[in-house]
Amino acid sequence: MSTKEKAREKVSVKELLGLNNEIIVYNDDVNTFDHVIETLIRVCEHAPEQAEQCSLIIHYNGKCTVKTGPYDKLKPQCTKLLAAGLSAEIV
């Protein structure tokens, strides 16, 4: 019988809160699938398959989390999504 050692990692509360931000893109009746896919590839650096999957989730569920990370990194990306005509917010 072997003993497993569990390592405890100290993580600050500030660090935990900084990683919990998400960009959510909402469905609309204006943008085409191609536009949403191309924008996610360009702005969020999605692979084409990932962008396509996100666009389908947005269409059928009404919204999709397209990116997570620290607020400082997400803010310019969300601004670019909005400038491209997508409905998005950081939560």
PDB file of N, CA and C in Angstrom:
ATOM      1  N   MET A   1       0.843  -1.169   0.000  1.00  0.00           N
ATOM      2  CA  MET A   1       0.000   0.000   0.000  1.00  0.00           C
ATOM      3  C   MET A   1       0.898   1.245   0.000  1.00  0.00           C
ATOM      4  N   SER A   2       0.632   2.157  -0.935  1.00  0.00           N
ATOM      5  CA  SER A   2       1.450   3.359  -1.032  1.00  0.00           C
ATOM      6  C   SER A   2       0.682   4.569  -0.500  1.00  0.00           C
ATOM      7  N   THR A   3       1.417   5.551  -0.105  1.00  0.00           N
ATOM      8  CA  THR A   3       0.824   6.777   0.401  1.00  0.00           C
ATOM      9  C   THR A   3       0.971   7.866  -0.650  1.00  0.00           C
ATOM     10  N   LYS A   4      -0.123   8.524  -0.961  1.00  0.00           N
ATOM     11  CA  LYS A   4      -0.081   9.617  -1.918  1.00  0.00           C
ATOM     12  C   LYS A   4       0.009  10.931  -1.155  1.00  0.00           C
ATOM     13  N   GLU A   5       0.878  11.773  -1.624  1.00  0.00           N
ATOM     14  CA  GLU A   5       1.060  13.066  -0.992  1.00  0.00           C
ATOM     15  C   GLU A   5       0.306  14.120  -1.794  1.00  0.00           C
ATOM     16  N   LYS A   6      -0.491  14.887  -1.099  1.00  0.00           N
ATOM     17  CA  LYS A   6      -1.243  15.948  -1.754  1.00  0.00           C
ATOM     18  C   LYS A   6      -0.532  17.274  -1.511  1.00  0.00           C
ATOM     19  N   ALA A   7      -0.302  17.992  -2.576  1.00  0.00           N
ATOM     20  CA  ALA A   7       0.349  19.293  -2.461  1.00  0.00           C
ATOM     21  C   ALA A   7      -0.712  20.375  -2.414  1.00  0.00           C
ATOM     22  N   ARG A   8      -0.536  21.305  -1.511  1.00  0.00           N
ATOM     23  CA  ARG A   8      -1.459  22.431  -1.411  1.00  0.00           C
ATOM     24  C   ARG A   8      -0.814  23.636  -2.060  1.00  0.00           C
ATOM     25  N   GLU A   9      -1.588  24.277  -2.884  1.00  0.00           N
ATOM     26  CA  GLU A   9      -1.084  25.445  -3.594  1.00  0.00           C
ATOM     27  C   GLU A   9      -1.800  26.675  -3.061  1.00  0.00           C
ATOM     28  N   LYS A  10      -1.019  27.690  -2.701  1.00  0.00           N
ATOM     29  CA  LYS A  10      -1.610  28.929  -2.215  1.00  0.00           C
ATOM     30  C   LYS A  10      -1.946  29.810  -3.413  1.00  0.00           C
ATOM     31  N   VAL A  11      -3.208  30.224  -3.460  1.00  0.00           N
ATOM     32  CA  VAL A  11      -3.674  31.102  -4.527  1.00  0.00           C
ATOM     33  C   VAL A  11      -4.385  32.270  -3.865  1.00  0.00           C
ATOM     34  N   SER A  12      -4.003  33.465  -4.221  1.00  0.00           N
ATOM     35  CA  SER A  12      -4.623  34.639  -3.614  1.00  0.00           C
ATOM     36  C   SER A  12      -6.042  34.821  -4.140  1.00  0.00           C
ATOM     37  N   VAL A  13      -6.871  35.461  -3.344  1.00  0.00           N
ATOM     38  CA  VAL A  13      -8.253  35.718  -3.736  1.00  0.00           C
ATOM     39  C   VAL A  13      -8.282  36.603  -4.970  1.00  0.00           C
ATOM     40  N   LYS A  14      -7.395  37.587  -5.038  1.00  0.00           N
ATOM     41  CA  LYS A  14      -7.335  38.479  -6.198  1.00  0.00           C
ATOM     42  C   LYS A  14      -7.059  37.689  -7.473  1.00  0.00           C
ATOM     43  N   GLU A  15      -6.177  36.715  -7.375  1.00  0.00           N
ATOM     44  CA  GLU A  15      -5.843  35.884  -8.531  1.00  0.00           C
ATOM     45  C   GLU A  15      -7.052  35.059  -8.968  1.00  0.00           C
ATOM     46  N   LEU A  16      -7.781  34.508  -8.012  1.00  0.00           N
ATOM     47  CA  LEU A  16      -8.963  33.720  -8.337  1.00  0.00           C
ATOM     48  C   LEU A  16     -10.033  34.577  -9.000  1.00  0.00           C
ATOM     49  N   LEU A  17     -10.262  35.770  -8.477  1.00  0.00           N
ATOM     50  CA  LEU A  17     -11.281  36.644  -9.043  1.00  0.00           C
ATOM     51  C   LEU A  17     -10.910  37.102 -10.448  1.00  0.00           C
ATOM     52  N   GLY A  18      -9.637  37.302 -10.697  1.00  0.00           N
ATOM     53  CA  GLY A  18      -9.189  37.774 -11.994  1.00  0.00           C
ATOM     54  C   GLY A  18      -9.399  36.772 -13.108  1.00  0.00           C
ATOM     55  N   LEU A  19      -9.467  35.502 -12.788  1.00  0.00           N
ATOM     56  CA  LEU A  19      -9.617  34.473 -13.815  1.00  0.00           C
ATOM     57  C   LEU A  19     -11.066  34.090 -14.071  1.00  0.00           C
ATOM     58  N   ASN A  20     -11.984  34.646 -13.309  1.00  0.00           N
ATOM     59  CA  ASN A  20     -13.383  34.248 -13.436  1.00  0.00           C
ATOM     60  C   ASN A  20     -14.181  35.096 -14.417  1.00  0.00           C
ATOM     61  N   ASN A  21     -13.533  35.996 -15.119  1.00  0.00           N
ATOM     62  CA  ASN A  21     -14.253  36.831 -16.078  1.00  0.00           C
ATOM     63  C   ASN A  21     -14.485  36.063 -17.371  1.00  0.00           C
ATOM     64  N   GLU A  22     -15.621  36.371 -18.009  1.00  0.00           N
ATOM     65  CA  GLU A  22     -15.981  35.703 -19.267  1.00  0.00           C
ATOM     66  C   GLU A  22     -16.521  36.730 -20.252  1.00  0.00           C
ATOM     67  N   ILE A  23     -16.228  36.521 -21.523  1.00  0.00           N
ATOM     68  CA  ILE A  23     -16.919  37.283 -22.565  1.00  0.00           C
ATOM     69  C   ILE A  23     -18.067  36.399 -23.042  1.00  0.00           C
ATOM     70  N   ILE A  24     -19.258  36.948 -22.966  1.00  0.00           N
ATOM     71  CA  ILE A  24     -20.446  36.248 -23.450  1.00  0.00           C
ATOM     72  C   ILE A  24     -20.941  36.969 -24.693  1.00  0.00           C
ATOM     73  N   VAL A  25     -21.170  36.209 -25.750  1.00  0.00           N
ATOM     74  CA  VAL A  25     -21.738  36.753 -26.985  1.00  0.00           C
ATOM     75  C   VAL A  25     -23.180  36.276 -27.081  1.00  0.00           C
ATOM     76  N   TYR A  26     -24.068  37.203 -27.419  1.00  0.00           N
ATOM     77  CA  TYR A  26     -25.497  36.918 -27.481  1.00  0.00           C
ATOM     78  C   TYR A  26     -25.974  36.820 -28.929  1.00  0.00           C
ATOM     79  N   ASN A  27     -27.025  36.052 -29.114  1.00  0.00           N
ATOM     80  CA  ASN A  27     -27.628  35.887 -30.432  1.00  0.00           C
ATOM     81  C   ASN A  27     -28.342  37.170 -30.849  1.00  0.00           C
ATOM     82  N   ASP A  28     -28.355  37.422 -32.137  1.00  0.00           N
ATOM     83  CA  ASP A  28     -29.129  38.533 -32.690  1.00  0.00           C
ATOM     84  C   ASP A  28     -29.636  38.125 -34.070  1.00  0.00           C
ATOM     85  N   ASP A  29     -30.473  38.955 -34.630  1.00  0.00           N
ATOM     86  CA  ASP A  29     -31.048  38.665 -35.948  1.00  0.00           C
ATOM     87  C   ASP A  29     -30.338  39.427 -37.058  1.00  0.00           C
ATOM     88  N   VAL A  30     -29.160  39.973 -36.760  1.00  0.00           N
ATOM     89  CA  VAL A  30     -28.462  40.840 -37.710  1.00  0.00           C
ATOM     90  C   VAL A  30     -27.247  40.150 -38.329  1.00  0.00           C
ATOM     91  N   ASN A  31     -26.398  39.572 -37.499  1.00  0.00           N
ATOM     92  CA  ASN A  31     -25.125  39.033 -37.969  1.00  0.00           C
ATOM     93  C   ASN A  31     -25.255  37.629 -38.544  1.00  0.00           C
ATOM     94  N   THR A  32     -24.516  37.379 -39.616  1.00  0.00           N
ATOM     95  CA  THR A  32     -24.519  36.058 -40.246  1.00  0.00           C
ATOM     96  C   THR A  32     -23.575  35.123 -39.494  1.00  0.00           C
ATOM     97  N   PHE A  33     -23.742  33.836 -39.725  1.00  0.00           N
ATOM     98  CA  PHE A  33     -22.837  32.858 -39.134  1.00  0.00           C
ATOM     99  C   PHE A  33     -21.396  33.144 -39.560  1.00  0.00           C
ATOM    100  N   ASP A  34     -21.213  33.427 -40.842  1.00  0.00           N
ATOM    101  CA  ASP A  34     -19.861  33.686 -41.347  1.00  0.00           C
ATOM    102  C   ASP A  34     -19.211  34.870 -40.650  1.00  0.00           C
ATOM    103  N   HIS A  35     -19.975  35.928 -40.441  1.00  0.00           N
ATOM    104  CA  HIS A  35     -19.425  37.110 -39.771  1.00  0.00           C
ATOM    105  C   HIS A  35     -19.034  36.791 -38.330  1.00  0.00           C
ATOM    106  N   VAL A  36     -19.902  36.077 -37.616  1.00  0.00           N
ATOM    107  CA  VAL A  36     -19.609  35.716 -36.226  1.00  0.00           C
ATOM    108  C   VAL A  36     -18.365  34.826 -36.170  1.00  0.00           C
ATOM    109  N   ILE A  37     -18.297  33.835 -37.043  1.00  0.00           N
ATOM    110  CA  ILE A  37     -17.159  32.915 -37.064  1.00  0.00           C
ATOM    111  C   ILE A  37     -15.871  33.660 -37.374  1.00  0.00           C
ATOM    112  N   GLU A  38     -15.884  34.475 -38.411  1.00  0.00           N
ATOM    113  CA  GLU A  38     -14.682  35.230 -38.789  1.00  0.00           C
ATOM    114  C   GLU A  38     -14.235  36.184 -37.680  1.00  0.00           C
ATOM    115  N   THR A  39     -15.198  36.799 -37.001  1.00  0.00           N
ATOM    116  CA  THR A  39     -14.867  37.722 -35.918  1.00  0.00           C
ATOM    117  C   THR A  39     -14.272  36.987 -34.726  1.00  0.00           C
ATOM    118  N   LEU A  40     -14.819  35.838 -34.371  1.00  0.00           N
ATOM    119  CA  LEU A  40     -14.268  35.061 -33.251  1.00  0.00           C
ATOM    120  C   LEU A  40     -12.856  34.576 -33.562  1.00  0.00           C
ATOM    121  N   ILE A  41     -12.604  34.208 -34.807  1.00  0.00           N
ATOM    122  CA  ILE A  41     -11.257  33.778 -35.203  1.00  0.00           C
ATOM    123  C   ILE A  41     -10.288  34.951 -35.095  1.00  0.00           C
ATOM    124  N   ARG A  42     -10.699  36.096 -35.594  1.00  0.00           N
ATOM    125  CA  ARG A  42      -9.814  37.273 -35.625  1.00  0.00           C
ATOM    126  C   ARG A  42      -9.599  37.867 -34.235  1.00  0.00           C
ATOM    127  N   VAL A  43     -10.675  38.053 -33.478  1.00  0.00           N
ATOM    128  CA  VAL A  43     -10.587  38.768 -32.206  1.00  0.00           C
ATOM    129  C   VAL A  43     -10.199  37.852 -31.042  1.00  0.00           C
ATOM    130  N   CYS A  44     -10.827  36.696 -30.969  1.00  0.00           N
ATOM    131  CA  CYS A  44     -10.603  35.800 -29.821  1.00  0.00           C
ATOM    132  C   CYS A  44      -9.570  34.718 -30.100  1.00  0.00           C
ATOM    133  N   GLU A  45      -9.024  34.714 -31.319  1.00  0.00           N
ATOM    134  CA  GLU A  45      -8.013  33.738 -31.714  1.00  0.00           C
ATOM    135  C   GLU A  45      -8.518  32.290 -31.607  1.00  0.00           C
ATOM    136  N   HIS A  46      -9.805  32.106 -31.970  1.00  0.00           N
ATOM    137  CA  HIS A  46     -10.377  30.760 -31.989  1.00  0.00           C
ATOM    138  C   HIS A  46      -9.897  30.006 -33.221  1.00  0.00           C
ATOM    139  N   ALA A  47      -9.816  28.702 -33.097  1.00  0.00           N
ATOM    140  CA  ALA A  47      -9.633  27.843 -34.272  1.00  0.00           C
ATOM    141  C   ALA A  47     -10.954  27.888 -35.048  1.00  0.00           C
ATOM    142  N   PRO A  48     -10.924  27.666 -36.355  1.00  0.00           N
ATOM    143  CA  PRO A  48     -12.177  27.705 -37.124  1.00  0.00           C
ATOM    144  C   PRO A  48     -13.275  26.787 -36.568  1.00  0.00           C
ATOM    145  N   GLU A  49     -12.906  25.609 -36.119  1.00  0.00           N
ATOM    146  CA  GLU A  49     -13.888  24.666 -35.573  1.00  0.00           C
ATOM    147  C   GLU A  49     -14.504  25.201 -34.292  1.00  0.00           C
ATOM    148  N   GLN A  50     -13.673  25.796 -33.437  1.00  0.00           N
ATOM    149  CA  GLN A  50     -14.153  26.354 -32.176  1.00  0.00           C
ATOM    150  C   GLN A  50     -15.102  27.522 -32.436  1.00  0.00           C
ATOM    151  N   ALA A  51     -14.741  28.380 -33.375  1.00  0.00           N
ATOM    152  CA  ALA A  51     -15.586  29.523 -33.711  1.00  0.00           C
ATOM    153  C   ALA A  51     -16.928  29.058 -34.273  1.00  0.00           C
ATOM    154  N   GLU A  52     -16.897  28.024 -35.096  1.00  0.00           N
ATOM    155  CA  GLU A  52     -18.141  27.496 -35.658  1.00  0.00           C
ATOM    156  C   GLU A  52     -19.028  26.909 -34.562  1.00  0.00           C
ATOM    157  N   GLN A  53     -18.426  26.167 -33.646  1.00  0.00           N
ATOM    158  CA  GLN A  53     -19.195  25.589 -32.537  1.00  0.00           C
ATOM    159  C   GLN A  53     -19.807  26.684 -31.668  1.00  0.00           C
ATOM    160  N   CYS A  54     -19.027  27.713 -31.372  1.00  0.00           N
ATOM    161  CA  CYS A  54     -19.551  28.827 -30.578  1.00  0.00           C
ATOM    162  C   CYS A  54     -20.718  29.503 -31.293  1.00  0.00           C
ATOM    163  N   SER A  55     -20.600  29.689 -32.613  1.00  0.00           N
ATOM    164  CA  SER A  55     -21.684  30.344 -33.353  1.00  0.00           C
ATOM    165  C   SER A  55     -22.966  29.517 -33.306  1.00  0.00           C
ATOM    166  N   LEU A  56     -22.840  28.210 -33.347  1.00  0.00           N
ATOM    167  CA  LEU A  56     -24.028  27.347 -33.250  1.00  0.00           C
ATOM    168  C   LEU A  56     -24.644  27.398 -31.852  1.00  0.00           C
ATOM    169  N   ILE A  57     -23.800  27.411 -30.820  1.00  0.00           N
ATOM    170  CA  ILE A  57     -24.296  27.525 -29.451  1.00  0.00           C
ATOM    171  C   ILE A  57     -25.004  28.862 -29.269  1.00  0.00           C
ATOM    172  N   ILE A  58     -24.410  29.930 -29.789  1.00  0.00           N
ATOM    173  CA  ILE A  58     -25.034  31.251 -29.714  1.00  0.00           C
ATOM    174  C   ILE A  58     -26.405  31.222 -30.381  1.00  0.00           C
ATOM    175  N   HIS A  59     -26.468  30.625 -31.551  1.00  0.00           N
ATOM    176  CA  HIS A  59     -27.722  30.582 -32.314  1.00  0.00           C
ATOM    177  C   HIS A  59     -28.807  29.789 -31.584  1.00  0.00           C
ATOM    178  N   TYR A  60     -28.468  28.596 -31.095  1.00  0.00           N
ATOM    179  CA  TYR A  60     -29.478  27.714 -30.510  1.00  0.00           C
ATOM    180  C   TYR A  60     -29.753  27.975 -29.034  1.00  0.00           C
ATOM    181  N   ASN A  61     -28.766  28.468 -28.281  1.00  0.00           N
ATOM    182  CA  ASN A  61     -28.963  28.708 -26.847  1.00  0.00           C
ATOM    183  C   ASN A  61     -29.144  30.185 -26.515  1.00  0.00           C
ATOM    184  N   GLY A  62     -28.902  31.052 -27.481  1.00  0.00           N
ATOM    185  CA  GLY A  62     -29.081  32.471 -27.244  1.00  0.00           C
ATOM    186  C   GLY A  62     -27.838  33.187 -26.749  1.00  0.00           C
ATOM    187  N   LYS A  63     -26.853  32.430 -26.292  1.00  0.00           N
ATOM    188  CA  LYS A  63     -25.600  33.029 -25.823  1.00  0.00           C
ATOM    189  C   LYS A  63     -24.545  31.950 -25.666  1.00  0.00           C
ATOM    190  N   CYS A  64     -23.286  32.396 -25.596  1.00  0.00           N
ATOM    191  CA  CYS A  64     -22.179  31.456 -25.410  1.00  0.00           C
ATOM    192  C   CYS A  64     -20.999  32.210 -24.805  1.00  0.00           C
ATOM    193  N   THR A  65     -20.338  31.577 -23.852  1.00  0.00           N
ATOM    194  CA  THR A  65     -19.082  32.112 -23.336  1.00  0.00           C
ATOM    195  C   THR A  65     -18.007  31.802 -24.366  1.00  0.00           C
ATOM    196  N   VAL A  66     -17.400  32.845 -24.927  1.00  0.00           N
ATOM    197  CA  VAL A  66     -16.427  32.648 -25.996  1.00  0.00           C
ATOM    198  C   VAL A  66     -14.984  32.800 -25.523  1.00  0.00           C
ATOM    199  N   LYS A  67     -14.784  33.399 -24.349  1.00  0.00           N
ATOM    200  CA  LYS A  67     -13.427  33.601 -23.849  1.00  0.00           C
ATOM    201  C   LYS A  67     -13.485  33.805 -22.340  1.00  0.00           C
ATOM    202  N   THR A  68     -12.515  33.253 -21.620  1.00  0.00           N
ATOM    203  CA  THR A  68     -12.390  33.483 -20.186  1.00  0.00           C
ATOM    204  C   THR A  68     -10.977  33.954 -19.895  1.00  0.00           C
ATOM    205  N   GLY A  69     -10.835  34.680 -18.803  1.00  0.00           N
ATOM    206  CA  GLY A  69      -9.513  35.146 -18.422  1.00  0.00           C
ATOM    207  C   GLY A  69      -9.584  36.398 -17.586  1.00  0.00           C
ATOM    208  N   PRO A  70      -8.438  37.046 -17.406  1.00  0.00           N
ATOM    209  CA  PRO A  70      -8.411  38.278 -16.615  1.00  0.00           C
ATOM    210  C   PRO A  70      -9.099  39.426 -17.347  1.00  0.00           C
ATOM    211  N   TYR A  71      -9.742  40.285 -16.586  1.00  0.00           N
ATOM    212  CA  TYR A  71     -10.511  41.393 -17.153  1.00  0.00           C
ATOM    213  C   TYR A  71      -9.676  42.257 -18.089  1.00  0.00           C
ATOM    214  N   ASP A  72      -8.451  42.545 -17.691  1.00  0.00           N
ATOM    215  CA  ASP A  72      -7.586  43.418 -18.498  1.00  0.00           C
ATOM    216  C   ASP A  72      -7.343  42.873 -19.901  1.00  0.00           C
ATOM    217  N   LYS A  73      -7.287  41.554 -20.037  1.00  0.00           N
ATOM    218  CA  LYS A  73      -7.086  40.950 -21.355  1.00  0.00           C
ATOM    219  C   LYS A  73      -8.393  40.882 -22.149  1.00  0.00           C
ATOM    220  N   LEU A  74      -9.501  40.680 -21.436  1.00  0.00           N
ATOM    221  CA  LEU A  74     -10.796  40.524 -22.103  1.00  0.00           C
ATOM    222  C   LEU A  74     -11.385  41.848 -22.581  1.00  0.00           C
ATOM    223  N   LYS A  75     -11.100  42.934 -21.884  1.00  0.00           N
ATOM    224  CA  LYS A  75     -11.702  44.232 -22.205  1.00  0.00           C
ATOM    225  C   LYS A  75     -11.453  44.652 -23.656  1.00  0.00           C
ATOM    226  N   PRO A  76     -10.190  44.647 -24.148  1.00  0.00           N
ATOM    227  CA  PRO A  76      -9.995  45.049 -25.550  1.00  0.00           C
ATOM    228  C   PRO A  76     -10.644  44.081 -26.542  1.00  0.00           C
ATOM    229  N   GLN A  77     -10.685  42.796 -26.197  1.00  0.00           N
ATOM    230  CA  GLN A  77     -11.326  41.834 -27.091  1.00  0.00           C
ATOM    231  C   GLN A  77     -12.829  42.085 -27.160  1.00  0.00           C
ATOM    232  N   CYS A  78     -13.441  42.346 -26.018  1.00  0.00           N
ATOM    233  CA  CYS A  78     -14.879  42.613 -25.997  1.00  0.00           C
ATOM    234  C   CYS A  78     -15.188  43.888 -26.776  1.00  0.00           C
ATOM    235  N   THR A  79     -14.343  44.885 -26.639  1.00  0.00           N
ATOM    236  CA  THR A  79     -14.519  46.136 -27.381  1.00  0.00           C
ATOM    237  C   THR A  79     -14.479  45.880 -28.888  1.00  0.00           C
ATOM    238  N   LYS A  80     -13.565  45.021 -29.337  1.00  0.00           N
ATOM    239  CA  LYS A  80     -13.473  44.686 -30.761  1.00  0.00           C
ATOM    240  C   LYS A  80     -14.705  43.903 -31.233  1.00  0.00           C
ATOM    241  N   LEU A  81     -15.217  43.015 -30.386  1.00  0.00           N
ATOM    242  CA  LEU A  81     -16.434  42.271 -30.744  1.00  0.00           C
ATOM    243  C   LEU A  81     -17.603  43.231 -30.907  1.00  0.00           C
ATOM    244  N   LEU A  82     -17.718  44.183 -29.985  1.00  0.00           N
ATOM    245  CA  LEU A  82     -18.786  45.179 -30.076  1.00  0.00           C
ATOM    246  C   LEU A  82     -18.630  46.047 -31.316  1.00  0.00           C
ATOM    247  N   ALA A  83     -17.402  46.443 -31.620  1.00  0.00           N
ATOM    248  CA  ALA A  83     -17.132  47.266 -32.811  1.00  0.00           C
ATOM    249  C   ALA A  83     -17.487  46.510 -34.089  1.00  0.00           C
ATOM    250  N   ALA A  84     -17.397  45.176 -34.052  1.00  0.00           N
ATOM    251  CA  ALA A  84     -17.733  44.357 -35.220  1.00  0.00           C
ATOM    252  C   ALA A  84     -19.245  44.127 -35.322  1.00  0.00           C
ATOM    253  N   GLY A  85     -20.004  44.656 -34.365  1.00  0.00           N
ATOM    254  CA  GLY A  85     -21.457  44.545 -34.427  1.00  0.00           C
ATOM    255  C   GLY A  85     -22.046  43.403 -33.647  1.00  0.00           C
ATOM    256  N   LEU A  86     -21.215  42.650 -32.908  1.00  0.00           N
ATOM    257  CA  LEU A  86     -21.745  41.547 -32.098  1.00  0.00           C
ATOM    258  C   LEU A  86     -22.245  42.085 -30.765  1.00  0.00           C
ATOM    259  N   SER A  87     -23.202  41.371 -30.178  1.00  0.00           N
ATOM    260  CA  SER A  87     -23.700  41.710 -28.845  1.00  0.00           C
ATOM    261  C   SER A  87     -22.886  40.910 -27.835  1.00  0.00           C
ATOM    262  N   ALA A  88     -22.078  41.602 -27.049  1.00  0.00           N
ATOM    263  CA  ALA A  88     -21.193  40.916 -26.111  1.00  0.00           C
ATOM    264  C   ALA A  88     -21.048  41.710 -24.833  1.00  0.00           C
ATOM    265  N   GLU A  89     -20.708  41.012 -23.761  1.00  0.00           N
ATOM    266  CA  GLU A  89     -20.415  41.658 -22.481  1.00  0.00           C
ATOM    267  C   GLU A  89     -19.442  40.807 -21.688  1.00  0.00           C
ATOM    268  N   ILE A  90     -18.772  41.462 -20.740  1.00  0.00           N
ATOM    269  CA  ILE A  90     -17.892  40.759 -19.811  1.00  0.00           C
ATOM    270  C   ILE A  90     -18.640  40.588 -18.504  1.00  0.00           C
ATOM    271  N   VAL A  91     -18.654  39.359 -18.006  1.00  0.00           N
ATOM    272  CA  VAL A  91     -19.280  39.081 -16.704  1.00  0.00           C
ATOM    273  C   VAL A  91     -18.272  38.444 -15.780  1.00  0.00           C
TER     274      VAL A  91
END
